[in-house]
Amino acid sequence: MHDHKLIADYFRKCFVSADGLWFMAVEKDADFEKALALDAAVWEVLPKIEARTIRGLIEAGDGVEALHKALAFKLEAEQYEFDLSPCSPEGFTLAVRECPWVRHIKKAGRERFLDRISEVICSREYGFFAREFSPDITVEHARMYCAVDGCCRFRFQAAR
């Protein structure tokens, strides 16, 4: 019998590699902005699938508290280093201290693209993920620090 962590690590590496290879192939065929635009379209769908899958796995319902629980699951599973503020009826804050995507992009020597990728992808990803728990939850990318040391900060707010 194989170790479940080993299997999970294998699939995580395959997913990240496939994403990076796909992006670079489109970039080579067209250009960076075209690859980013197509990637953005993917990140409008994938977070919905992730949210629905996680909701089923952890038996979460709707609303900001369910989002908080699902986001903690997602980020832990994807090996982020993060802090989630306590959840209130108004919402919560996410501080990402270490992002696995940033690590991979830096390892590939492509850190010059980090700010642009974050600008286009991150708010989109978290926004579409959050809307699966309520169309009234908004996400603000309050602070972005991909290319330098620091952390990104997101505010998830429920409608009042």
C-alpha atoms as a PDB file:
ATOM      1  CA  MET A   1       0.000   0.000   0.000  1.00  0.00           C
ATOM      2  CA  HIS A   2       1.334   3.440  -0.906  1.00  0.00           C
ATOM      3  CA  ASP A   3       1.569   6.360   1.471  1.00  0.00           C
ATOM      4  CA  HIS A   4      -1.366   8.760   0.922  1.00  0.00           C
ATOM      5  CA  LYS A   5       0.849  11.820   1.481  1.00  0.00           C
ATOM      6  CA  LEU A   6       3.259  10.580  -1.174  1.00  0.00           C
ATOM      7  CA  ILE A   7       0.381  10.107  -3.620  1.00  0.00           C
ATOM      8  CA  ALA A   8      -1.046  13.555  -2.816  1.00  0.00           C
ATOM      9  CA  ASP A   9       2.381  15.153  -3.315  1.00  0.00           C
ATOM     10  CA  TYR A  10       2.739  13.394  -6.663  1.00  0.00           C
ATOM     11  CA  PHE A  11      -0.625  14.682  -7.927  1.00  0.00           C
ATOM     12  CA  ARG A  12       0.077  18.192  -6.626  1.00  0.00           C
ATOM     13  CA  LYS A  13       3.384  18.292  -8.527  1.00  0.00           C
ATOM     14  CA  CYS A  14       1.713  16.998 -11.687  1.00  0.00           C
ATOM     15  CA  PHE A  15      -1.016  19.645 -11.440  1.00  0.00           C
ATOM     16  CA  VAL A  16       1.468  22.474 -10.945  1.00  0.00           C
ATOM     17  CA  SER A  17       3.710  21.181 -13.733  1.00  0.00           C
ATOM     18  CA  ALA A  18       0.806  20.824 -16.162  1.00  0.00           C
ATOM     19  CA  ASP A  19      -0.354  24.361 -15.379  1.00  0.00           C
ATOM     20  CA  GLY A  20       3.124  25.819 -15.883  1.00  0.00           C
ATOM     21  CA  LEU A  21       3.853  23.869 -19.056  1.00  0.00           C
ATOM     22  CA  TRP A  22       0.479  24.793 -20.538  1.00  0.00           C
ATOM     23  CA  PHE A  23       1.066  28.474 -19.755  1.00  0.00           C
ATOM     24  CA  MET A  24       4.540  28.506 -21.309  1.00  0.00           C
ATOM     25  CA  ALA A  25       3.329  26.666 -24.435  1.00  0.00           C
ATOM     26  CA  VAL A  26       0.602  29.260 -25.011  1.00  0.00           C
ATOM     27  CA  GLU A  27       3.077  32.045 -24.276  1.00  0.00           C
ATOM     28  CA  LYS A  28       5.489  30.634 -26.859  1.00  0.00           C
ATOM     29  CA  ASP A  29       2.713  30.295 -29.455  1.00  0.00           C
ATOM     30  CA  ALA A  30       1.272  33.767 -28.790  1.00  0.00           C
ATOM     31  CA  ASP A  31       2.636  35.948 -26.004  1.00  0.00           C
ATOM     32  CA  PHE A  32       2.538  36.423 -22.234  1.00  0.00           C
ATOM     33  CA  GLU A  33      -0.626  38.551 -22.196  1.00  0.00           C
ATOM     34  CA  LYS A  34      -2.548  36.033 -24.338  1.00  0.00           C
ATOM     35  CA  ALA A  35      -1.439  33.184 -22.072  1.00  0.00           C
ATOM     36  CA  LEU A  36      -2.479  35.211 -19.043  1.00  0.00           C
ATOM     37  CA  ALA A  37      -5.892  35.994 -20.565  1.00  0.00           C
ATOM     38  CA  LEU A  38      -6.523  32.301 -21.253  1.00  0.00           C
ATOM     39  CA  ASP A  39      -5.264  31.403 -17.780  1.00  0.00           C
ATOM     40  CA  ALA A  40      -7.680  33.951 -16.321  1.00  0.00           C
ATOM     41  CA  ALA A  41     -10.554  32.205 -18.108  1.00  0.00           C
ATOM     42  CA  VAL A  42      -9.492  28.907 -16.515  1.00  0.00           C
ATOM     43  CA  TRP A  43      -9.355  30.567 -13.083  1.00  0.00           C
ATOM     44  CA  GLU A  44     -12.966  31.665 -13.501  1.00  0.00           C
ATOM     45  CA  VAL A  45     -14.053  28.009 -13.647  1.00  0.00           C
ATOM     46  CA  LEU A  46     -11.575  25.992 -11.562  1.00  0.00           C
ATOM     47  CA  PRO A  47     -12.344  27.775  -8.244  1.00  0.00           C
ATOM     48  CA  LYS A  48     -16.041  26.933  -8.683  1.00  0.00           C
ATOM     49  CA  ILE A  49     -15.160  23.257  -9.091  1.00  0.00           C
ATOM     50  CA  GLU A  50     -12.802  23.402  -6.110  1.00  0.00           C
ATOM     51  CA  ALA A  51     -15.405  25.104  -3.913  1.00  0.00           C
ATOM     52  CA  ARG A  52     -18.118  22.569  -4.787  1.00  0.00           C
ATOM     53  CA  THR A  53     -15.745  19.651  -4.204  1.00  0.00           C
ATOM     54  CA  ILE A  54     -14.492  20.991  -0.875  1.00  0.00           C
ATOM     55  CA  ARG A  55     -18.055  21.818   0.241  1.00  0.00           C
ATOM     56  CA  GLY A  56     -18.950  18.156  -0.275  1.00  0.00           C
ATOM     57  CA  LEU A  57     -15.821  16.831   1.413  1.00  0.00           C
ATOM     58  CA  ILE A  58     -16.215  18.915   4.568  1.00  0.00           C
ATOM     59  CA  GLU A  59     -20.017  19.108   4.464  1.00  0.00           C
ATOM     60  CA  ALA A  60     -20.068  22.905   4.478  1.00  0.00           C
ATOM     61  CA  GLY A  61     -23.203  24.862   3.730  1.00  0.00           C
ATOM     62  CA  ASP A  62     -23.557  28.390   2.451  1.00  0.00           C
ATOM     63  CA  GLY A  63     -22.444  31.755   3.755  1.00  0.00           C
ATOM     64  CA  VAL A  64     -19.341  33.380   5.104  1.00  0.00           C
ATOM     65  CA  GLU A  65     -18.700  30.803   7.868  1.00  0.00           C
ATOM     66  CA  ALA A  66     -18.822  27.934   5.367  1.00  0.00           C
ATOM     67  CA  LEU A  67     -16.463  29.886   3.087  1.00  0.00           C
ATOM     68  CA  HIS A  68     -14.052  30.432   5.994  1.00  0.00           C
ATOM     69  CA  LYS A  69     -14.007  26.683   6.733  1.00  0.00           C
ATOM     70  CA  ALA A  70     -13.621  25.726   3.053  1.00  0.00           C
ATOM     71  CA  LEU A  71     -10.863  28.263   2.436  1.00  0.00           C
ATOM     72  CA  ALA A  72      -8.893  26.930   5.413  1.00  0.00           C
ATOM     73  CA  PHE A  73      -9.219  23.409   3.955  1.00  0.00           C
ATOM     74  CA  LYS A  74      -8.172  24.546   0.462  1.00  0.00           C
ATOM     75  CA  LEU A  75      -5.140  26.524   1.584  1.00  0.00           C
ATOM     76  CA  GLU A  76      -3.914  23.812   3.923  1.00  0.00           C
ATOM     77  CA  ALA A  77      -4.334  21.145   1.218  1.00  0.00           C
ATOM     78  CA  GLU A  78      -2.416  23.316  -1.280  1.00  0.00           C
ATOM     79  CA  GLN A  79       0.392  23.909   1.245  1.00  0.00           C
ATOM     80  CA  TYR A  80       0.005  27.641   1.714  1.00  0.00           C
ATOM     81  CA  GLU A  81       1.317  29.325   4.836  1.00  0.00           C
ATOM     82  CA  PHE A  82      -1.519  31.608   5.890  1.00  0.00           C
ATOM     83  CA  ASP A  83      -3.488  33.260   8.669  1.00  0.00           C
ATOM     84  CA  LEU A  84      -7.263  33.545   8.676  1.00  0.00           C
ATOM     85  CA  SER A  85      -8.781  36.031  11.062  1.00  0.00           C
ATOM     86  CA  PRO A  86     -11.707  34.737  13.097  1.00  0.00           C
ATOM     87  CA  CYS A  87     -14.895  34.713  11.084  1.00  0.00           C
ATOM     88  CA  SER A  88     -17.635  37.185  11.956  1.00  0.00           C
ATOM     89  CA  PRO A  89     -21.004  37.745  10.288  1.00  0.00           C
ATOM     90  CA  GLU A  90     -19.329  40.615   8.392  1.00  0.00           C
ATOM     91  CA  GLY A  91     -16.483  38.496   7.050  1.00  0.00           C
ATOM     92  CA  PHE A  92     -12.817  37.793   7.668  1.00  0.00           C
ATOM     93  CA  THR A  93      -9.290  38.495   6.419  1.00  0.00           C
ATOM     94  CA  LEU A  94      -6.808  36.127   4.817  1.00  0.00           C
ATOM     95  CA  ALA A  95      -3.083  36.827   5.031  1.00  0.00           C
ATOM     96  CA  VAL A  96      -0.962  34.624   2.752  1.00  0.00           C
ATOM     97  CA  ARG A  97       2.571  34.445   4.142  1.00  0.00           C
ATOM     98  CA  GLU A  98       3.891  31.838   1.700  1.00  0.00           C
ATOM     99  CA  CYS A  99       2.275  30.949  -1.615  1.00  0.00           C
ATOM    100  CA  PRO A 100       3.213  27.707  -3.385  1.00  0.00           C
ATOM    101  CA  TRP A 101       2.533  29.325  -6.797  1.00  0.00           C
ATOM    102  CA  VAL A 102       5.020  32.094  -6.009  1.00  0.00           C
ATOM    103  CA  ARG A 103       7.593  29.479  -4.991  1.00  0.00           C
ATOM    104  CA  HIS A 104       7.148  27.617  -8.290  1.00  0.00           C
ATOM    105  CA  ILE A 105       7.264  30.771 -10.402  1.00  0.00           C
ATOM    106  CA  LYS A 106      10.423  31.959  -8.650  1.00  0.00           C
ATOM    107  CA  LYS A 107      11.996  28.503  -9.033  1.00  0.00           C
ATOM    108  CA  ALA A 108      11.322  28.763 -12.786  1.00  0.00           C
ATOM    109  CA  GLY A 109      13.097  32.162 -12.848  1.00  0.00           C
ATOM    110  CA  ARG A 110       9.938  34.006 -13.901  1.00  0.00           C
ATOM    111  CA  GLU A 111       9.464  36.289 -10.891  1.00  0.00           C
ATOM    112  CA  ARG A 112       9.315  39.343 -13.179  1.00  0.00           C
ATOM    113  CA  PHE A 113       5.755  38.228 -14.014  1.00  0.00           C
ATOM    114  CA  LEU A 114       4.546  37.763 -10.444  1.00  0.00           C
ATOM    115  CA  ASP A 115       2.854  41.115  -9.931  1.00  0.00           C
ATOM    116  CA  ARG A 116       0.969  40.864 -13.229  1.00  0.00           C
ATOM    117  CA  ILE A 117      -0.096  37.268 -12.552  1.00  0.00           C
ATOM    118  CA  SER A 118      -1.273  38.159  -9.066  1.00  0.00           C
ATOM    119  CA  GLU A 119      -3.137  41.199 -10.335  1.00  0.00           C
ATOM    120  CA  VAL A 120      -5.081  39.123 -12.879  1.00  0.00           C
ATOM    121  CA  ILE A 121      -5.401  35.704 -11.239  1.00  0.00           C
ATOM    122  CA  CYS A 122      -5.542  35.899  -7.433  1.00  0.00           C
ATOM    123  CA  SER A 123      -8.558  38.174  -6.912  1.00  0.00           C
ATOM    124  CA  ARG A 124     -10.357  36.286  -9.669  1.00  0.00           C
ATOM    125  CA  GLU A 125      -9.608  32.913  -8.063  1.00  0.00           C
ATOM    126  CA  TYR A 126     -10.724  33.917  -4.579  1.00  0.00           C
ATOM    127  CA  GLY A 127     -13.738  35.847  -5.894  1.00  0.00           C
ATOM    128  CA  PHE A 128     -15.141  32.921  -7.867  1.00  0.00           C
ATOM    129  CA  PHE A 129     -14.403  30.552  -4.964  1.00  0.00           C
ATOM    130  CA  ALA A 130     -16.244  32.836  -2.528  1.00  0.00           C
ATOM    131  CA  ARG A 131     -19.298  33.312  -4.769  1.00  0.00           C
ATOM    132  CA  GLU A 132     -19.959  29.577  -4.571  1.00  0.00           C
ATOM    133  CA  PHE A 133     -20.828  30.147  -0.908  1.00  0.00           C
ATOM    134  CA  SER A 134     -22.865  33.302  -1.507  1.00  0.00           C
ATOM    135  CA  PRO A 135     -23.188  35.688  -4.446  1.00  0.00           C
ATOM    136  CA  ASP A 136     -23.164  38.506  -1.883  1.00  0.00           C
ATOM    137  CA  ILE A 137     -19.623  37.865  -0.600  1.00  0.00           C
ATOM    138  CA  THR A 138     -17.075  40.294  -1.994  1.00  0.00           C
ATOM    139  CA  VAL A 139     -13.303  39.895  -2.053  1.00  0.00           C
ATOM    140  CA  GLU A 140     -10.830  42.746  -1.928  1.00  0.00           C
ATOM    141  CA  HIS A 141      -7.159  42.116  -2.729  1.00  0.00           C
ATOM    142  CA  ALA A 142      -6.063  44.506  -0.019  1.00  0.00           C
ATOM    143  CA  ARG A 143      -2.310  44.012  -0.309  1.00  0.00           C
ATOM    144  CA  MET A 144      -0.187  42.298  -2.955  1.00  0.00           C
ATOM    145  CA  TYR A 145       3.461  41.426  -2.401  1.00  0.00           C
ATOM    146  CA  CYS A 146       4.337  38.558  -4.710  1.00  0.00           C
ATOM    147  CA  ALA A 147       7.611  39.790  -6.125  1.00  0.00           C
ATOM    148  CA  VAL A 148       9.045  40.884  -2.791  1.00  0.00           C
ATOM    149  CA  ASP A 149       9.062  39.378   0.666  1.00  0.00           C
ATOM    150  CA  GLY A 150       5.872  39.972   2.572  1.00  0.00           C
ATOM    151  CA  CYS A 151       2.359  38.725   2.297  1.00  0.00           C
ATOM    152  CA  CYS A 152      -0.801  39.161   0.322  1.00  0.00           C
ATOM    153  CA  ARG A 153      -3.934  40.148   2.152  1.00  0.00           C
ATOM    154  CA  PHE A 154      -7.531  39.552   1.116  1.00  0.00           C
ATOM    155  CA  ARG A 155     -10.740  40.782   2.746  1.00  0.00           C
ATOM    156  CA  PHE A 156     -13.843  38.631   2.406  1.00  0.00           C
ATOM    157  CA  GLN A 157     -16.950  40.632   3.243  1.00  0.00           C
ATOM    158  CA  ALA A 158     -20.538  39.487   3.510  1.00  0.00           C
ATOM    159  CA  ALA A 159     -23.302  41.793   2.315  1.00  0.00           C
ATOM    160  CA  ARG A 160     -25.025  43.690   5.089  1.00  0.00           C
END
